[in-house]
Amino acid sequence: MGIHALSVMLEALNRDAQHATIAKFIQNELDAEREKLALLHQQGSQQPELLREQGAQQFELLRQQHAAAGGSMHSRRPEP
């Protein structure tokens, strides 16, 4: 809805109704922003745990690859 249409709608209301309409609009905008903020906070608090899990999975994968390759490179003896 354009600004002109909004202005016409508000002008059709009495002063108290204008204030109530504007207050309701602002409250709805605040509620939407609070929901976004709560979601971002939730995602932020989950991120360290996800990173720990990812690191543990990578470590396990490397350990398995290392075991499948025949162990440590340090166990080989240099050829003379």
PDB file of N, CA and C in Angstrom:
ATOM      1  N   MET A   1       0.859  -1.166   0.000  1.00  0.00           N
ATOM      2  CA  MET A   1       0.000   0.000   0.000  1.00  0.00           C
ATOM      3  C   MET A   1       0.905   1.228   0.000  1.00  0.00           C
ATOM      4  N   GLY A   2       0.548   2.189  -0.827  1.00  0.00           N
ATOM      5  CA  GLY A   2       1.358   3.389  -0.946  1.00  0.00           C
ATOM      6  C   GLY A   2       1.147   4.345   0.212  1.00  0.00           C
ATOM      7  N   ILE A   3       2.069   5.274   0.341  1.00  0.00           N
ATOM      8  CA  ILE A   3       2.001   6.261   1.421  1.00  0.00           C
ATOM      9  C   ILE A   3       0.768   7.142   1.263  1.00  0.00           C
ATOM     10  N   HIS A   4       0.439   7.502   0.029  1.00  0.00           N
ATOM     11  CA  HIS A   4      -0.738   8.350  -0.190  1.00  0.00           C
ATOM     12  C   HIS A   4      -2.010   7.634   0.274  1.00  0.00           C
ATOM     13  N   ALA A   5      -2.144   6.363  -0.075  1.00  0.00           N
ATOM     14  CA  ALA A   5      -3.325   5.596   0.337  1.00  0.00           C
ATOM     15  C   ALA A   5      -3.398   5.496   1.855  1.00  0.00           C
ATOM     16  N   LEU A   6      -2.257   5.295   2.472  1.00  0.00           N
ATOM     17  CA  LEU A   6      -2.214   5.228   3.938  1.00  0.00           C
ATOM     18  C   LEU A   6      -2.630   6.555   4.553  1.00  0.00           C
ATOM     19  N   SER A   7      -2.130   7.615   4.001  1.00  0.00           N
ATOM     20  CA  SER A   7      -2.458   8.945   4.503  1.00  0.00           C
ATOM     21  C   SER A   7      -3.957   9.214   4.401  1.00  0.00           C
ATOM     22  N   VAL A   8      -4.566   8.842   3.274  1.00  0.00           N
ATOM     23  CA  VAL A   8      -6.009   9.033   3.083  1.00  0.00           C
ATOM     24  C   VAL A   8      -6.789   8.220   4.107  1.00  0.00           C
ATOM     25  N   MET A   9      -6.347   6.971   4.337  1.00  0.00           N
ATOM     26  CA  MET A   9      -7.038   6.122   5.318  1.00  0.00           C
ATOM     27  C   MET A   9      -6.950   6.719   6.718  1.00  0.00           C
ATOM     28  N   LEU A  10      -5.771   7.193   7.086  1.00  0.00           N
ATOM     29  CA  LEU A  10      -5.601   7.767   8.423  1.00  0.00           C
ATOM     30  C   LEU A  10      -6.406   9.055   8.587  1.00  0.00           C
ATOM     31  N   GLU A  11      -6.453   9.854   7.534  1.00  0.00           N
ATOM     32  CA  GLU A  11      -7.209  11.110   7.608  1.00  0.00           C
ATOM     33  C   GLU A  11      -8.702  10.860   7.801  1.00  0.00           C
ATOM     34  N   ALA A  12      -9.176   9.696   7.350  1.00  0.00           N
ATOM     35  CA  ALA A  12     -10.593   9.363   7.496  1.00  0.00           C
ATOM     36  C   ALA A  12     -10.941   9.009   8.942  1.00  0.00           C
ATOM     37  N   LEU A  13      -9.939   8.744   9.750  1.00  0.00           N
ATOM     38  CA  LEU A  13     -10.164   8.373  11.152  1.00  0.00           C
ATOM     39  C   LEU A  13     -10.083   9.608  12.042  1.00  0.00           C
ATOM     40  N   ASN A  14     -10.733   9.506  13.215  1.00  0.00           N
ATOM     41  CA  ASN A  14     -10.566  10.603  14.178  1.00  0.00           C
ATOM     42  C   ASN A  14      -9.193  10.477  14.825  1.00  0.00           C
ATOM     43  N   ARG A  15      -8.783  11.477  15.564  1.00  0.00           N
ATOM     44  CA  ARG A  15      -7.429  11.541  16.124  1.00  0.00           C
ATOM     45  C   ARG A  15      -7.103  10.333  17.007  1.00  0.00           C
ATOM     46  N   ASP A  16      -8.023   9.931  17.870  1.00  0.00           N
ATOM     47  CA  ASP A  16      -7.769   8.773  18.738  1.00  0.00           C
ATOM     48  C   ASP A  16      -7.594   7.495  17.920  1.00  0.00           C
ATOM     49  N   ALA A  17      -8.421   7.340  16.897  1.00  0.00           N
ATOM     50  CA  ALA A  17      -8.315   6.156  16.047  1.00  0.00           C
ATOM     51  C   ALA A  17      -7.009   6.178  15.251  1.00  0.00           C
ATOM     52  N   GLN A  18      -6.574   7.368  14.836  1.00  0.00           N
ATOM     53  CA  GLN A  18      -5.288   7.481  14.143  1.00  0.00           C
ATOM     54  C   GLN A  18      -4.163   6.999  15.051  1.00  0.00           C
ATOM     55  N   HIS A  19      -4.167   7.489  16.286  1.00  0.00           N
ATOM     56  CA  HIS A  19      -3.116   7.108  17.238  1.00  0.00           C
ATOM     57  C   HIS A  19      -3.154   5.609  17.516  1.00  0.00           C
ATOM     58  N   ALA A  20      -4.349   5.065  17.685  1.00  0.00           N
ATOM     59  CA  ALA A  20      -4.476   3.630  17.955  1.00  0.00           C
ATOM     60  C   ALA A  20      -3.981   2.805  16.768  1.00  0.00           C
ATOM     61  N   THR A  21      -4.307   3.249  15.557  1.00  0.00           N
ATOM     62  CA  THR A  21      -3.883   2.530  14.353  1.00  0.00           C
ATOM     63  C   THR A  21      -2.365   2.565  14.208  1.00  0.00           C
ATOM     64  N   ILE A  22      -1.792   3.723  14.427  1.00  0.00           N
ATOM     65  CA  ILE A  22      -0.332   3.863  14.332  1.00  0.00           C
ATOM     66  C   ILE A  22       0.354   3.042  15.423  1.00  0.00           C
ATOM     67  N   ALA A  23      -0.175   3.077  16.631  1.00  0.00           N
ATOM     68  CA  ALA A  23       0.403   2.303  17.735  1.00  0.00           C
ATOM     69  C   ALA A  23       0.341   0.807  17.441  1.00  0.00           C
ATOM     70  N   LYS A  24      -0.773   0.348  16.889  1.00  0.00           N
ATOM     71  CA  LYS A  24      -0.911  -1.073  16.554  1.00  0.00           C
ATOM     72  C   LYS A  24       0.089  -1.466  15.470  1.00  0.00           C
ATOM     73  N   PHE A  25       0.257  -0.615  14.466  1.00  0.00           N
ATOM     74  CA  PHE A  25       1.224  -0.885  13.402  1.00  0.00           C
ATOM     75  C   PHE A  25       2.639  -1.008  13.977  1.00  0.00           C
ATOM     76  N   ILE A  26       2.997  -0.046  14.818  1.00  0.00           N
ATOM     77  CA  ILE A  26       4.339  -0.060  15.421  1.00  0.00           C
ATOM     78  C   ILE A  26       4.525  -1.304  16.284  1.00  0.00           C
ATOM     79  N   GLN A  27       3.505  -1.673  17.053  1.00  0.00           N
ATOM     80  CA  GLN A  27       3.597  -2.862  17.904  1.00  0.00           C
ATOM     81  C   GLN A  27       3.784  -4.119  17.056  1.00  0.00           C
ATOM     82  N   ASN A  28       3.053  -4.216  15.947  1.00  0.00           N
ATOM     83  CA  ASN A  28       3.203  -5.373  15.056  1.00  0.00           C
ATOM     84  C   ASN A  28       4.610  -5.442  14.471  1.00  0.00           C
ATOM     85  N   GLU A  29       5.157  -4.292  14.099  1.00  0.00           N
ATOM     86  CA  GLU A  29       6.524  -4.257  13.570  1.00  0.00           C
ATOM     87  C   GLU A  29       7.532  -4.678  14.641  1.00  0.00           C
ATOM     88  N   LEU A  30       7.340  -4.196  15.857  1.00  0.00           N
ATOM     89  CA  LEU A  30       8.231  -4.574  16.960  1.00  0.00           C
ATOM     90  C   LEU A  30       8.160  -6.070  17.241  1.00  0.00           C
ATOM     91  N   ASP A  31       6.947  -6.614  17.242  1.00  0.00           N
ATOM     92  CA  ASP A  31       6.786  -8.050  17.482  1.00  0.00           C
ATOM     93  C   ASP A  31       7.505  -8.870  16.418  1.00  0.00           C
ATOM     94  N   ALA A  32       7.380  -8.450  15.164  1.00  0.00           N
ATOM     95  CA  ALA A  32       8.051  -9.165  14.073  1.00  0.00           C
ATOM     96  C   ALA A  32       9.569  -9.109  14.240  1.00  0.00           C
ATOM     97  N   GLU A  33      10.093  -7.948  14.620  1.00  0.00           N
ATOM     98  CA  GLU A  33      11.539  -7.815  14.821  1.00  0.00           C
ATOM     99  C   GLU A  33      12.009  -8.628  16.025  1.00  0.00           C
ATOM    100  N   ARG A  34      11.206  -8.681  17.068  1.00  0.00           N
ATOM    101  CA  ARG A  34      11.562  -9.498  18.241  1.00  0.00           C
ATOM    102  C   ARG A  34      11.621 -10.975  17.875  1.00  0.00           C
ATOM    103  N   GLU A  35      10.682 -11.425  17.033  1.00  0.00           N
ATOM    104  CA  GLU A  35      10.698 -12.817  16.586  1.00  0.00           C
ATOM    105  C   GLU A  35      11.965 -13.115  15.796  1.00  0.00           C
ATOM    106  N   LYS A  36      12.353 -12.204  14.915  1.00  0.00           N
ATOM    107  CA  LYS A  36      13.588 -12.380  14.145  1.00  0.00           C
ATOM    108  C   LYS A  36      14.795 -12.449  15.076  1.00  0.00           C
ATOM    109  N   LEU A  37      14.825 -11.556  16.046  1.00  0.00           N
ATOM    110  CA  LEU A  37      15.932 -11.521  16.993  1.00  0.00           C
ATOM    111  C   LEU A  37      16.000 -12.803  17.815  1.00  0.00           C
ATOM    112  N   ALA A  38      14.851 -13.299  18.249  1.00  0.00           N
ATOM    113  CA  ALA A  38      14.811 -14.546  19.017  1.00  0.00           C
ATOM    114  C   ALA A  38      15.329 -15.705  18.175  1.00  0.00           C
ATOM    115  N   LEU A  39      14.956 -15.738  16.904  1.00  0.00           N
ATOM    116  CA  LEU A  39      15.423 -16.798  16.017  1.00  0.00           C
ATOM    117  C   LEU A  39      16.933 -16.714  15.808  1.00  0.00           C
ATOM    118  N   LEU A  40      17.438 -15.514  15.594  1.00  0.00           N
ATOM    119  CA  LEU A  40      18.886 -15.341  15.442  1.00  0.00           C
ATOM    120  C   LEU A  40      19.630 -15.749  16.706  1.00  0.00           C
ATOM    121  N   HIS A  41      19.084 -15.408  17.860  1.00  0.00           N
ATOM    122  CA  HIS A  41      19.705 -15.779  19.134  1.00  0.00           C
ATOM    123  C   HIS A  41      19.724 -17.298  19.291  1.00  0.00           C
ATOM    124  N   GLN A  42      18.614 -17.938  18.934  1.00  0.00           N
ATOM    125  CA  GLN A  42      18.530 -19.393  19.032  1.00  0.00           C
ATOM    126  C   GLN A  42      19.549 -20.048  18.105  1.00  0.00           C
ATOM    127  N   GLN A  43      19.645 -19.553  16.879  1.00  0.00           N
ATOM    128  CA  GLN A  43      20.610 -20.106  15.931  1.00  0.00           C
ATOM    129  C   GLN A  43      22.035 -19.887  16.419  1.00  0.00           C
ATOM    130  N   GLY A  44      22.290 -18.713  16.996  1.00  0.00           N
ATOM    131  CA  GLY A  44      23.623 -18.405  17.505  1.00  0.00           C
ATOM    132  C   GLY A  44      24.021 -19.297  18.660  1.00  0.00           C
ATOM    133  N   SER A  45      23.066 -19.657  19.503  1.00  0.00           N
ATOM    134  CA  SER A  45      23.384 -20.511  20.643  1.00  0.00           C
ATOM    135  C   SER A  45      23.571 -21.957  20.214  1.00  0.00           C
ATOM    136  N   GLN A  46      22.986 -22.343  19.081  1.00  0.00           N
ATOM    137  CA  GLN A  46      23.142 -23.708  18.586  1.00  0.00           C
ATOM    138  C   GLN A  46      24.427 -23.877  17.782  1.00  0.00           C
ATOM    139  N   GLN A  47      24.959 -22.798  17.251  1.00  0.00           N
ATOM    140  CA  GLN A  47      26.111 -22.889  16.359  1.00  0.00           C
ATOM    141  C   GLN A  47      27.344 -23.522  17.022  1.00  0.00           C
ATOM    142  N   PRO A  48      27.733 -23.147  18.256  1.00  0.00           N
ATOM    143  CA  PRO A  48      28.918 -23.792  18.840  1.00  0.00           C
ATOM    144  C   PRO A  48      28.764 -25.308  18.970  1.00  0.00           C
ATOM    145  N   GLU A  49      27.571 -25.771  19.332  1.00  0.00           N
ATOM    146  CA  GLU A  49      27.343 -27.213  19.445  1.00  0.00           C
ATOM    147  C   GLU A  49      27.455 -27.886  18.081  1.00  0.00           C
ATOM    148  N   LEU A  50      26.903 -27.254  17.059  1.00  0.00           N
ATOM    149  CA  LEU A  50      26.999 -27.817  15.710  1.00  0.00           C
ATOM    150  C   LEU A  50      28.452 -27.878  15.248  1.00  0.00           C
ATOM    151  N   LEU A  51      29.232 -26.846  15.572  1.00  0.00           N
ATOM    152  CA  LEU A  51      30.649 -26.845  15.200  1.00  0.00           C
ATOM    153  C   LEU A  51      31.414 -27.942  15.937  1.00  0.00           C
ATOM    154  N   ARG A  52      31.095 -28.164  17.213  1.00  0.00           N
ATOM    155  CA  ARG A  52      31.742 -29.250  17.966  1.00  0.00           C
ATOM    156  C   ARG A  52      31.422 -30.601  17.338  1.00  0.00           C
ATOM    157  N   GLU A  53      30.148 -30.802  16.985  1.00  0.00           N
ATOM    158  CA  GLU A  53      29.748 -32.065  16.362  1.00  0.00           C
ATOM    159  C   GLU A  53      30.451 -32.256  15.024  1.00  0.00           C
ATOM    160  N   GLN A  54      30.533 -31.187  14.242  1.00  0.00           N
ATOM    161  CA  GLN A  54      31.193 -31.272  12.942  1.00  0.00           C
ATOM    162  C   GLN A  54      32.675 -31.608  13.122  1.00  0.00           C
ATOM    163  N   GLY A  55      33.322 -30.974  14.090  1.00  0.00           N
ATOM    164  CA  GLY A  55      34.729 -31.255  14.356  1.00  0.00           C
ATOM    165  C   GLY A  55      34.944 -32.695  14.790  1.00  0.00           C
ATOM    166  N   ALA A  56      34.056 -33.204  15.640  1.00  0.00           N
ATOM    167  CA  ALA A  56      34.161 -34.589  16.096  1.00  0.00           C
ATOM    168  C   ALA A  56      33.974 -35.554  14.928  1.00  0.00           C
ATOM    169  N   GLN A  57      33.045 -35.246  14.035  1.00  0.00           N
ATOM    170  CA  GLN A  57      32.822 -36.101  12.867  1.00  0.00           C
ATOM    171  C   GLN A  57      34.037 -36.088  11.946  1.00  0.00           C
ATOM    172  N   GLN A  58      34.622 -34.912  11.739  1.00  0.00           N
ATOM    173  CA  GLN A  58      35.810 -34.820  10.888  1.00  0.00           C
ATOM    174  C   GLN A  58      36.976 -35.584  11.509  1.00  0.00           C
ATOM    175  N   PHE A  59      37.128 -35.462  12.826  1.00  0.00           N
ATOM    176  CA  PHE A  59      38.196 -36.179  13.511  1.00  0.00           C
ATOM    177  C   PHE A  59      38.012 -37.684  13.349  1.00  0.00           C
ATOM    178  N   GLU A  60      36.776 -38.156  13.536  1.00  0.00           N
ATOM    179  CA  GLU A  60      36.500 -39.585  13.410  1.00  0.00           C
ATOM    180  C   GLU A  60      36.760 -40.067  11.985  1.00  0.00           C
ATOM    181  N   LEU A  61      36.365 -39.279  11.001  1.00  0.00           N
ATOM    182  CA  LEU A  61      36.605 -39.642   9.606  1.00  0.00           C
ATOM    183  C   LEU A  61      38.104 -39.727   9.322  1.00  0.00           C
ATOM    184  N   LEU A  62      38.867 -38.758   9.792  1.00  0.00           N
ATOM    185  CA  LEU A  62      40.321 -38.790   9.602  1.00  0.00           C
ATOM    186  C   LEU A  62      40.946 -39.981  10.312  1.00  0.00           C
ATOM    187  N   ARG A  63      40.455 -40.293  11.512  1.00  0.00           N
ATOM    188  CA  ARG A  63      40.967 -41.439  12.264  1.00  0.00           C
ATOM    189  C   ARG A  63      40.715 -42.732  11.495  1.00  0.00           C
ATOM    190  N   GLN A  64      39.511 -42.862  10.932  1.00  0.00           N
ATOM    191  CA  GLN A  64      39.175 -44.063  10.167  1.00  0.00           C
ATOM    192  C   GLN A  64      40.007 -44.153   8.892  1.00  0.00           C
ATOM    193  N   GLN A  65      40.211 -43.027   8.223  1.00  0.00           N
ATOM    194  CA  GLN A  65      41.032 -43.024   7.012  1.00  0.00           C
ATOM    195  C   GLN A  65      42.468 -43.403   7.344  1.00  0.00           C
ATOM    196  N   HIS A  66      42.940 -42.884   8.450  1.00  0.00           N
ATOM    197  CA  HIS A  66      44.301 -43.177   8.894  1.00  0.00           C
ATOM    198  C   HIS A  66      44.445 -44.667   9.212  1.00  0.00           C
ATOM    199  N   ALA A  67      43.459 -45.227   9.897  1.00  0.00           N
ATOM    200  CA  ALA A  67      43.496 -46.649  10.240  1.00  0.00           C
ATOM    201  C   ALA A  67      43.423 -47.506   8.974  1.00  0.00           C
ATOM    202  N   ALA A  68      42.613 -47.098   8.016  1.00  0.00           N
ATOM    203  CA  ALA A  68      42.483 -47.857   6.772  1.00  0.00           C
ATOM    204  C   ALA A  68      43.758 -47.779   5.932  1.00  0.00           C
ATOM    205  N   ALA A  69      44.522 -46.708   6.090  1.00  0.00           N
ATOM    206  CA  ALA A  69      45.755 -46.537   5.327  1.00  0.00           C
ATOM    207  C   ALA A  69      46.907 -47.317   5.941  1.00  0.00           C
ATOM    208  N   GLY A  70      46.693 -47.971   7.037  1.00  0.00           N
ATOM    209  CA  GLY A  70      47.737 -48.804   7.609  1.00  0.00           C
ATOM    210  C   GLY A  70      48.471 -48.184   8.767  1.00  0.00           C
ATOM    211  N   GLY A  71      47.893 -47.215   9.388  1.00  0.00           N
ATOM    212  CA  GLY A  71      48.498 -46.659  10.587  1.00  0.00           C
ATOM    213  C   GLY A  71      49.308 -45.417  10.314  1.00  0.00           C
ATOM    214  N   SER A  72      50.173 -45.147  11.234  1.00  0.00           N
ATOM    215  CA  SER A  72      50.934 -43.908  11.229  1.00  0.00           C
ATOM    216  C   SER A  72      52.087 -43.956  10.246  1.00  0.00           C
ATOM    217  N   MET A  73      52.393 -42.818   9.669  1.00  0.00           N
ATOM    218  CA  MET A  73      53.561 -42.726   8.800  1.00  0.00           C
ATOM    219  C   MET A  73      54.831 -42.856   9.624  1.00  0.00           C
ATOM    220  N   HIS A  74      54.741 -42.571  10.913  1.00  0.00           N
ATOM    221  CA  HIS A  74      55.918 -42.665  11.774  1.00  0.00           C
ATOM    222  C   HIS A  74      56.336 -44.116  11.987  1.00  0.00           C
ATOM    223  N   SER A  75      55.459 -45.073  11.693  1.00  0.00           N
ATOM    224  CA  SER A  75      55.815 -46.469  11.915  1.00  0.00           C
ATOM    225  C   SER A  75      56.692 -47.013  10.784  1.00  0.00           C
ATOM    226  N   ARG A  76      56.761 -46.283   9.688  1.00  0.00           N
ATOM    227  CA  ARG A  76      57.630 -46.714   8.595  1.00  0.00           C
ATOM    228  C   ARG A  76      59.076 -46.367   8.922  1.00  0.00           C
ATOM    229  N   ARG A  77      59.938 -47.233   8.490  1.00  0.00           N
ATOM    230  CA  ARG A  77      61.355 -46.953   8.677  1.00  0.00           C
ATOM    231  C   ARG A  77      61.916 -46.448   7.358  1.00  0.00           C
ATOM    232  N   PRO A  78      62.746 -45.431   7.437  1.00  0.00           N
ATOM    233  CA  PRO A  78      63.334 -44.925   6.189  1.00  0.00           C
ATOM    234  C   PRO A  78      64.207 -45.984   5.539  1.00  0.00           C
ATOM    235  N   GLU A  79      64.178 -46.002   4.223  1.00  0.00           N
ATOM    236  CA  GLU A  79      64.996 -46.979   3.511  1.00  0.00           C
ATOM    237  C   GLU A  79      66.426 -46.475   3.428  1.00  0.00           C
ATOM    238  N   PRO A  80      67.381 -47.400   3.572  1.00  0.00           N
ATOM    239  CA  PRO A  80      68.803 -46.979   3.560  1.00  0.00           C
ATOM    240  C   PRO A  80      69.301 -46.585   2.200  1.00  0.00           C
TER     241      PRO A  80
END
